[in-house]
C-alpha atoms as a PDB file:
ATOM      1  CA  MET A   1       3.569  -2.994  16.482  1.00  0.00           C
ATOM      2  CA  ALA A   2       0.357  -1.102  17.680  1.00  0.00           C
ATOM      3  CA  GLN A   3       0.661   1.298  14.815  1.00  0.00           C
ATOM      4  CA  VAL A   4       0.538  -2.065  12.220  1.00  0.00           C
ATOM      5  CA  GLU A   5      -2.661  -3.533  14.334  1.00  0.00           C
ATOM      6  CA  TYR A   6      -3.821  -0.141  13.910  1.00  0.00           C
ATOM      7  CA  ALA A   7      -3.350   0.219  10.432  1.00  0.00           C
ATOM      8  CA  ILE A   8      -4.615  -3.352   9.383  1.00  0.00           C
ATOM      9  CA  GLY A   9      -7.739  -2.900  11.751  1.00  0.00           C
ATOM     10  CA  GLN A  10      -8.693   0.301   9.906  1.00  0.00           C
ATOM     11  CA  LEU A  11      -8.253  -1.200   6.390  1.00  0.00           C
ATOM     12  CA  ARG A  12     -10.540  -4.023   7.662  1.00  0.00           C
ATOM     13  CA  ASP A  13     -13.127  -1.507   8.907  1.00  0.00           C
ATOM     14  CA  LYS A  14     -13.297   0.101   5.676  1.00  0.00           C
ATOM     15  CA  GLU A  15     -13.475  -3.112   3.531  1.00  0.00           C
ATOM     16  CA  ILE A  16     -10.276  -2.721   1.688  1.00  0.00           C
ATOM     17  CA  ILE A  17      -8.905  -5.686   3.305  1.00  0.00           C
ATOM     18  CA  ILE A  18      -9.967  -9.302   4.176  1.00  0.00           C
ATOM     19  CA  SER A  19      -8.185 -11.260   6.863  1.00  0.00           C
ATOM     20  CA  ARG A  20      -8.546 -14.773   8.208  1.00  0.00           C
ATOM     21  CA  LYS A  21      -6.255 -16.771  10.727  1.00  0.00           C
ATOM     22  CA  LEU A  22      -4.338 -19.403   8.378  1.00  0.00           C
ATOM     23  CA  GLY A  23      -3.217 -21.831  11.431  1.00  0.00           C
ATOM     24  CA  ALA A  24      -5.044 -24.301  13.242  1.00  0.00           C
ATOM     25  CA  GLY A  25      -2.925 -25.214  15.717  1.00  0.00           C
ATOM     26  CA  GLY A  26      -3.417 -23.343  19.428  1.00  0.00           C
ATOM     27  CA  PHE A  27       0.748 -21.943  19.305  1.00  0.00           C
ATOM     28  CA  ASP A  28       0.120 -20.975  15.525  1.00  0.00           C
ATOM     29  CA  HIS A  29      -0.980 -17.331  14.999  1.00  0.00           C
ATOM     30  CA  THR A  30      -0.684 -16.977  11.463  1.00  0.00           C
ATOM     31  CA  ASN A  31      -2.686 -14.783   9.750  1.00  0.00           C
ATOM     32  CA  TRP A  32      -3.505 -13.884   5.774  1.00  0.00           C
ATOM     33  CA  TYR A  33      -4.590 -10.914   4.233  1.00  0.00           C
ATOM     34  CA  ALA A  34      -6.401  -9.884   0.940  1.00  0.00           C
ATOM     35  CA  PHE A  35      -7.543  -6.860  -0.932  1.00  0.00           C
ATOM     36  CA  THR A  36     -11.013  -6.773  -1.335  1.00  0.00           C
ATOM     37  CA  GLU A  37     -12.631  -6.207  -4.941  1.00  0.00           C
ATOM     38  CA  TYR A  38     -13.304  -2.250  -3.632  1.00  0.00           C
ATOM     39  CA  GLY A  39      -9.427  -2.534  -2.323  1.00  0.00           C
ATOM     40  CA  MET A  40      -8.275  -3.332  -5.667  1.00  0.00           C
ATOM     41  CA  LYS A  41     -10.479  -0.509  -7.467  1.00  0.00           C
ATOM     42  CA  ILE A  42      -8.698   2.299  -5.038  1.00  0.00           C
ATOM     43  CA  MET A  43      -4.987   0.531  -5.666  1.00  0.00           C
ATOM     44  CA  LYS A  44      -6.192   0.975  -9.780  1.00  0.00           C
ATOM     45  CA  TRP A  45      -8.068   3.878  -9.916  1.00  0.00           C
ATOM     46  CA  GLY A  46      -7.496   6.045  -6.288  1.00  0.00           C
ATOM     47  CA  ASP A  47     -10.179   6.863  -3.864  1.00  0.00           C
ATOM     48  CA  GLU A  48     -12.514   9.904  -4.448  1.00  0.00           C
ATOM     49  CA  HIS A  49     -11.975  10.816  -0.824  1.00  0.00           C
ATOM     50  CA  GLU A  50      -8.786  12.221  -0.140  1.00  0.00           C
ATOM     51  CA  GLY A  51      -7.651  11.334   2.843  1.00  0.00           C
ATOM     52  CA  TYR A  52     -10.158   8.081   3.132  1.00  0.00           C
ATOM     53  CA  CYS A  53      -7.289   5.641   5.045  1.00  0.00           C
END
Protein backbone atom coordinates (compact mmCIF):
# COMPACT_ATOMS: atom_id res chain seq x y z
CA MET A 1 0.00 0.00 0.00
CA ALA A 2 2.81 2.41 0.81
CA GLN A 3 4.32 1.92 -2.65
CA VAL A 4 1.03 2.86 -4.33
CA GLU A 5 0.63 5.94 -2.14
CA TYR A 6 4.22 6.95 -2.90
CA ALA A 7 3.73 6.49 -6.67
CA ILE A 8 0.48 8.50 -6.68
CA GLY A 9 2.18 11.22 -4.63
CA GLN A 10 5.03 11.41 -7.14
CA LEU A 11 2.59 11.71 -10.06
CA ARG A 12 0.66 14.46 -8.23
CA ASP A 13 3.84 16.34 -7.29
CA LYS A 14 4.99 16.28 -10.92
CA GLU A 15 1.52 17.45 -12.03
CA ILE A 16 0.94 14.38 -14.18
CA ILE A 17 -2.31 13.51 -12.40
CA ILE A 18 -4.83 15.31 -10.23
CA SER A 19 -6.90 13.71 -7.50
CA ARG A 20 -9.97 14.67 -5.52
CA LYS A 21 -12.04 13.14 -2.76
CA LEU A 22 -15.29 11.85 -4.20
CA GLY A 23 -17.15 10.84 -1.07
CA ALA A 24 -18.99 13.44 0.97
CA GLY A 25 -19.58 11.25 4.01
CA GLY A 26 -17.21 10.80 6.91
CA PHE A 27 -16.72 7.08 6.21
CA ASP A 28 -16.43 7.36 2.43
CA HIS A 29 -12.77 7.60 1.43
CA THR A 30 -13.34 7.26 -2.30
CA ASN A 31 -10.94 9.27 -4.47
CA TRP A 32 -10.85 9.88 -8.21
CA TYR A 33 -7.80 10.47 -10.35
CA ALA A 34 -7.39 12.06 -13.78
CA PHE A 35 -4.46 12.82 -16.04
CA THR A 36 -3.59 16.47 -16.57
CA GLU A 37 -2.93 17.85 -20.04
CA TYR A 38 0.77 17.44 -19.31
CA GLY A 39 0.21 13.82 -18.23
CA MET A 40 -1.68 13.05 -21.44
CA LYS A 41 1.16 14.60 -23.47
CA ILE A 42 3.67 12.35 -21.74
CA MET A 43 1.51 9.27 -22.39
CA LYS A 44 1.18 10.14 -26.06
CA TRP A 45 4.64 11.47 -26.91
CA GLY A 46 6.86 10.40 -24.04
CA ASP A 47 8.99 12.61 -21.88
CA GLU A 48 12.33 13.97 -23.01
CA HIS A 49 13.70 13.47 -19.49
CA GLU A 50 14.41 9.77 -19.16
CA GLY A 51 13.55 8.48 -15.72
CA TYR A 52 11.32 11.48 -14.92
CA CYS A 53 8.76 9.36 -13.15
